[in-house]
Protein backbone atom coordinates (compact mmCIF):
# COMPACT_ATOMS: atom_id res chain seq x y z
CA UNK A 1 20.12 -18.28 15.45
CA UNK A 2 18.87 -21.86 15.76
CA UNK A 3 18.05 -24.10 12.80
CA UNK A 4 14.30 -23.39 12.92
CA UNK A 5 14.85 -19.62 12.89
CA UNK A 6 17.36 -20.02 10.05
CA UNK A 7 14.83 -21.91 7.93
CA UNK A 8 12.24 -19.23 8.57
CA UNK A 9 14.42 -16.68 6.79
CA UNK A 10 14.71 -18.77 3.65
CA UNK A 11 12.25 -18.97 0.77
CA UNK A 12 9.06 -20.97 1.17
CA UNK A 13 6.82 -22.85 -1.24
CA UNK A 14 3.31 -21.54 -0.82
CA UNK A 15 0.56 -22.36 -3.38
CA UNK A 16 0.60 -19.02 -5.20
CA UNK A 17 -2.25 -19.77 -7.61
CA UNK A 18 -4.54 -20.82 -4.75
CA UNK A 19 -3.66 -17.71 -2.72
CA UNK A 20 -4.37 -15.39 -5.66
CA UNK A 21 -7.59 -17.26 -6.38
CA UNK A 22 -8.78 -16.89 -2.76
CA UNK A 23 -7.82 -13.21 -2.73
CA UNK A 24 -9.70 -12.61 -5.99
CA UNK A 25 -12.76 -14.43 -4.66
CA UNK A 26 -12.72 -12.32 -1.48
CA UNK A 27 -12.46 -9.08 -3.47
CA UNK A 28 -15.28 -10.14 -5.81
CA UNK A 29 -17.47 -10.93 -2.80
CA UNK A 30 -16.57 -7.53 -1.37
CA UNK A 31 -17.53 -5.81 -4.67
CA UNK A 32 -20.87 -7.65 -4.78
CA UNK A 33 -21.66 -6.65 -1.20
CA UNK A 34 -20.70 -3.04 -1.93
CA UNK A 35 -23.15 -2.93 -4.85
CA UNK A 36 -25.89 -4.42 -2.68
CA UNK A 37 -25.26 -1.86 0.07
CA UNK A 38 -25.32 1.05 -2.39
CA UNK A 39 -28.54 -0.25 -3.97
CA UNK A 40 -30.09 -0.41 -0.50
CA UNK A 41 -29.34 3.27 0.04
CA UNK A 42 -26.00 3.15 1.87
CA UNK A 43 -23.56 5.97 1.16
CA UNK A 44 -20.87 4.88 -1.34
CA UNK A 45 -17.93 5.56 0.99
CA UNK A 46 -19.59 3.75 3.88
CA UNK A 47 -20.58 0.85 1.60
CA UNK A 48 -17.02 0.58 0.30
CA UNK A 49 -15.60 0.28 3.81
CA UNK A 50 -18.32 -1.91 5.28
CA UNK A 51 -18.06 -4.34 2.36
CA UNK A 52 -14.32 -4.82 2.97
CA UNK A 53 -15.07 -6.26 6.40
CA UNK A 54 -16.05 -9.54 4.70
CA UNK A 55 -12.57 -9.96 3.20
CA UNK A 56 -10.67 -11.04 6.39
CA UNK A 57 -13.09 -13.86 7.37
CA UNK A 58 -13.24 -15.15 3.80
CA UNK A 59 -9.45 -15.27 3.59
CA UNK A 60 -9.11 -16.85 7.04
CA UNK A 61 -11.52 -19.65 6.07
CA UNK A 62 -10.26 -20.30 2.55
CA UNK A 63 -6.57 -19.95 3.42
CA UNK A 64 -6.69 -21.79 6.75
CA UNK A 65 -4.73 -24.86 5.53
CA UNK A 66 -2.06 -22.57 4.02
CA UNK A 67 -1.84 -20.45 7.17
CA UNK A 68 -1.59 -23.56 9.33
CA UNK A 69 1.12 -25.09 7.14
CA UNK A 70 3.22 -21.90 7.28
CA UNK A 71 2.51 -20.88 10.88
CA UNK A 72 6.21 -21.04 11.84
CA UNK A 73 7.11 -18.81 8.91
CA UNK A 74 4.40 -16.30 9.81
CA UNK A 75 5.38 -16.38 13.49
CA UNK A 76 8.94 -15.47 12.50
CA UNK A 77 7.81 -12.70 10.18
CA UNK A 78 5.46 -11.24 12.79
CA UNK A 79 7.87 -11.62 15.67
CA UNK A 80 8.18 -8.53 17.86
CA UNK A 81 11.94 -8.86 18.20
CA UNK A 82 12.62 -6.41 15.36
CA UNK A 83 10.31 -3.78 16.81
CA UNK A 84 11.88 -0.94 18.75
CA UNK A 85 11.26 2.76 19.07
CA UNK A 86 13.80 3.44 16.33
CA UNK A 87 12.52 0.84 13.85
CA UNK A 88 8.88 1.90 14.34
CA UNK A 89 9.74 5.57 13.82
CA UNK A 90 11.70 4.63 10.68
CA UNK A 91 8.73 2.66 9.34
CA UNK A 92 6.41 5.62 9.96
CA UNK A 93 8.90 7.93 8.25
CA UNK A 94 8.97 5.62 5.21
CA UNK A 95 5.17 5.81 4.97
CA UNK A 96 5.26 9.62 5.18
CA UNK A 97 8.01 9.89 2.57
CA UNK A 98 6.17 7.57 0.18
CA UNK A 99 3.06 9.73 0.49
CA UNK A 100 5.12 12.86 -0.16
CA UNK A 101 6.59 11.15 -3.23
CA UNK A 102 3.11 10.28 -4.52
CA UNK A 103 2.00 13.90 -4.13
CA UNK A 104 5.14 15.08 -5.90
CA UNK A 105 4.39 12.75 -8.80
CA UNK A 106 0.75 13.88 -8.93
CA UNK A 107 1.61 17.61 -8.95
CA UNK A 108 4.40 17.14 -11.50
CA UNK A 109 2.13 15.20 -13.89
CA UNK A 110 -0.61 17.84 -13.58
CA UNK A 111 1.92 20.63 -14.17
CA UNK A 112 3.45 18.99 -17.24
CA UNK A 113 0.06 18.18 -18.76
CA UNK A 114 0.14 14.41 -18.28
CA UNK A 115 -3.07 14.77 -16.28
CA UNK A 116 -5.66 16.95 -18.02
CA UNK A 117 -9.40 17.34 -17.44
CA UNK A 118 -11.09 17.35 -20.84
CA UNK A 119 -14.23 19.02 -19.46
CA UNK A 120 -14.19 22.64 -20.72
CA UNK A 121 -16.30 23.69 -17.72
CA UNK A 122 -13.92 22.18 -15.15
CA UNK A 123 -12.77 24.57 -12.42
CA UNK A 124 -9.11 25.42 -13.01
CA UNK A 125 -8.24 26.32 -9.42
CA UNK A 126 -6.26 25.66 -7.39
CA UNK A 127 -8.91 25.61 -4.67
CA UNK A 128 -8.34 24.06 -1.25
CA UNK A 129 -10.77 23.29 1.54
CA UNK A 130 -10.66 21.18 4.69
CA UNK A 131 -13.89 19.45 5.61
CA UNK A 132 -13.82 15.91 6.97
CA UNK A 133 -16.65 13.44 6.64
CA UNK A 134 -18.68 12.51 9.75
CA UNK A 135 -16.46 11.04 12.48
CA UNK A 136 -18.04 7.58 12.26
CA UNK A 137 -17.39 7.36 8.51
CA UNK A 138 -13.84 8.69 8.89
CA UNK A 139 -12.97 6.23 11.68
CA UNK A 140 -14.40 3.30 9.71
CA UNK A 141 -12.35 4.31 6.68
CA UNK A 142 -9.17 4.61 8.74
CA UNK A 143 -9.87 1.22 10.37
CA UNK A 144 -10.11 -0.45 6.97
CA UNK A 145 -7.36 1.51 5.19
CA UNK A 146 -4.79 1.70 8.00
CA UNK A 147 -5.33 -1.54 9.90
CA UNK A 148 -7.11 -4.27 7.96
CA UNK A 149 -5.80 -3.68 4.43
CA UNK A 150 -2.08 -3.31 5.37
CA UNK A 151 -2.09 -6.54 7.41
CA UNK A 152 -3.83 -8.53 4.65
CA UNK A 153 -1.81 -7.13 1.75
CA UNK A 154 1.54 -7.38 3.53
CA UNK A 155 0.86 -10.95 4.63
CA UNK A 156 -0.04 -12.00 1.09
CA UNK A 157 2.32 -9.86 -1.02
CA UNK A 158 5.37 -9.31 1.21
CA UNK A 159 4.84 -12.61 2.99
CA UNK A 160 3.67 -15.53 0.89
CA UNK A 161 4.29 -14.18 -2.63
CA UNK A 162 7.65 -12.49 -1.98
CA UNK A 163 9.18 -15.37 -0.05
CA UNK A 164 7.89 -18.00 -2.46
CA UNK A 165 9.34 -16.14 -5.45
CA UNK A 166 12.69 -16.07 -3.63
CA UNK A 167 13.11 -19.61 -4.97
CA UNK A 168 14.07 -17.85 -8.22
CA UNK A 169 16.12 -14.87 -7.01
CA UNK A 170 15.77 -11.73 -4.93
CA UNK A 171 15.22 -9.21 -7.77
CA UNK A 172 12.64 -11.46 -9.45
CA UNK A 173 10.81 -11.90 -6.15
CA UNK A 174 10.69 -8.15 -5.45
CA UNK A 175 9.54 -7.21 -8.96
CA UNK A 176 6.91 -9.91 -9.45
CA UNK A 177 5.39 -9.52 -5.99
CA UNK A 178 5.22 -5.76 -6.64
CA UNK A 179 3.50 -6.27 -9.99
CA UNK A 180 0.88 -8.50 -8.38
CA UNK A 181 0.46 -5.93 -5.61
CA UNK A 182 -0.05 -3.13 -8.14
CA UNK A 183 -2.66 -4.87 -10.29
CA UNK A 184 -5.17 -5.13 -7.42
CA UNK A 185 -5.22 -1.32 -7.14
CA UNK A 186 -7.19 1.23 -9.14
CA UNK A 187 -5.84 2.03 -12.60
CA UNK A 188 -4.68 5.54 -11.65
CA UNK A 189 -2.80 4.11 -8.66
CA UNK A 190 -0.98 1.24 -10.38
CA UNK A 191 2.32 3.07 -10.96
CA UNK A 192 2.68 4.42 -7.43
CA UNK A 193 1.47 1.07 -6.02
CA UNK A 194 4.23 -0.70 -7.97
CA UNK A 195 6.86 1.71 -6.65
CA UNK A 196 5.56 1.34 -3.09
CA UNK A 197 5.56 -2.43 -3.55
CA UNK A 198 9.23 -2.47 -4.55
CA UNK A 199 10.26 -0.48 -1.48
CA UNK A 200 8.11 -2.49 0.94
CA UNK A 201 9.36 -5.78 -0.50
CA UNK A 202 12.97 -4.65 -0.10
CA UNK A 203 12.15 -3.45 3.40
CA UNK A 204 10.57 -6.79 4.32
CA UNK A 205 13.64 -8.73 3.17
CA UNK A 206 16.16 -6.39 4.79
CA UNK A 207 14.38 -6.36 8.15
CA UNK A 208 13.14 -9.96 8.22
CA UNK A 209 9.86 -8.53 9.51
CA UNK A 210 6.35 -7.98 8.24
CA UNK A 211 5.38 -5.67 11.09
CA UNK A 212 7.61 -2.88 9.79
CA UNK A 213 6.21 -2.93 6.23
CA UNK A 214 2.73 -3.09 7.78
CA UNK A 215 3.47 0.07 9.81
CA UNK A 216 4.87 1.89 6.74
CA UNK A 217 1.89 0.76 4.65
CA UNK A 218 -0.56 1.78 7.39
CA UNK A 219 1.03 5.23 7.63
CA UNK A 220 0.85 5.69 3.85
CA UNK A 221 -2.80 4.60 3.75
CA UNK A 222 -3.69 6.69 6.77
CA UNK A 223 -2.38 9.81 5.07
CA UNK A 224 -4.37 8.90 1.96
CA UNK A 225 -7.50 8.63 4.10
CA UNK A 226 -6.92 12.08 5.56
CA UNK A 227 -6.11 13.89 2.31
CA UNK A 228 -8.90 12.11 0.41
CA UNK A 229 -11.62 12.57 3.00
CA UNK A 230 -10.62 15.81 4.69
CA UNK A 231 -8.52 17.89 2.29
CA UNK A 232 -10.44 18.72 -0.88
CA UNK A 233 -8.29 20.02 -3.73
CA UNK A 234 -9.44 21.23 -7.14
CA UNK A 235 -6.71 21.96 -9.66
CA UNK A 236 -7.15 21.44 -13.39
CA UNK A 237 -4.53 23.46 -15.29
CA UNK A 238 -5.60 23.58 -18.94
CA UNK A 239 -2.21 24.50 -20.40
CA UNK A 240 1.41 24.27 -19.38
CA UNK A 241 2.92 27.69 -18.75
CA UNK A 242 6.39 28.67 -17.59
CA UNK A 243 5.05 28.97 -14.06
CA UNK A 244 3.55 25.48 -14.21
CA UNK A 245 6.78 24.10 -15.62
CA UNK A 246 8.63 25.54 -12.62
CA UNK A 247 6.08 23.97 -10.29
CA UNK A 248 6.45 20.65 -12.09
CA UNK A 249 10.22 20.74 -11.78
CA UNK A 250 9.96 21.56 -8.09
CA UNK A 251 7.49 18.72 -7.54
CA UNK A 252 9.78 16.37 -9.48
CA UNK A 253 12.69 17.29 -7.20
CA UNK A 254 10.52 16.60 -4.16
CA UNK A 255 9.57 13.23 -5.65
CA UNK A 256 13.20 12.31 -6.33
CA UNK A 257 14.35 13.46 -2.87
CA UNK A 258 11.57 11.50 -1.13
CA UNK A 259 12.29 8.37 -3.17
CA UNK A 260 16.02 8.66 -2.44
CA UNK A 261 15.32 9.01 1.30
CA UNK A 262 13.02 5.97 1.25
CA UNK A 263 15.69 3.99 -0.59
CA UNK A 264 18.23 4.84 2.10
CA UNK A 265 15.80 3.78 4.82
CA UNK A 266 14.78 0.44 3.33
CA UNK A 267 18.27 -0.57 2.18
CA UNK A 268 19.62 -0.84 5.73
CA UNK A 269 19.79 -4.52 6.66
CA UNK A 270 18.83 -5.65 10.14
CA UNK A 271 20.69 -8.37 12.00
CA UNK A 272 19.37 -11.81 11.09
CA UNK A 273 17.48 -10.70 7.99
CA UNK A 274 17.72 -12.39 4.61
């Protein structure tokens, strides 16, 4: 490895406050546009996805000096040299396992009564149906969720934030970048987003790549898109019975097994990584 490549694997000093400010501004602009689209009669899901299309150009314009200054760092992180059939399959597997873990956590919490619907008229279920939205809406959602969002969030969180915080130490960098990643998600998703952030940050450092976390993130988000928009589930248990306790324990075991498998996958260091 030459001296330039070696430097690219060390910590950087990016202007964190400015990056977070630009990201916040882009998300506020997106929220404003979403409200305008909904008020004009656009379907909420379509408005949510269409409005996100303004985020990439806003970030490219506002962050251009930062991107230009760190172009060698980004080129190293997005190099194709770490991509192979095996590494891509592993990244996809990590995304699948993380989604399985999130479902295990969701089912366990519902079974143990952590999640309860206070509406006395709520359907208990479980009821399952499979009915996707129109193809155009589904494809737009997958484009945003599985392509645009993973690239942006991995570049900012597992790129600039993670590697800048490495000036402190590795554990600090992983934890703080994961906290900042979690807080931009919906309240009910913060915990799982934090867990996902920890694994993807570790994965980024151990592979020296941002492509592989992007692929894992894209897989995770793609599965969310499918089970949110195609698989409708209604299940509101109103009390915890012995049967539900057994289901909760089984779901907890699935969660633990999936998390353990993800940990094994992301802990493997690639040649030349940090």
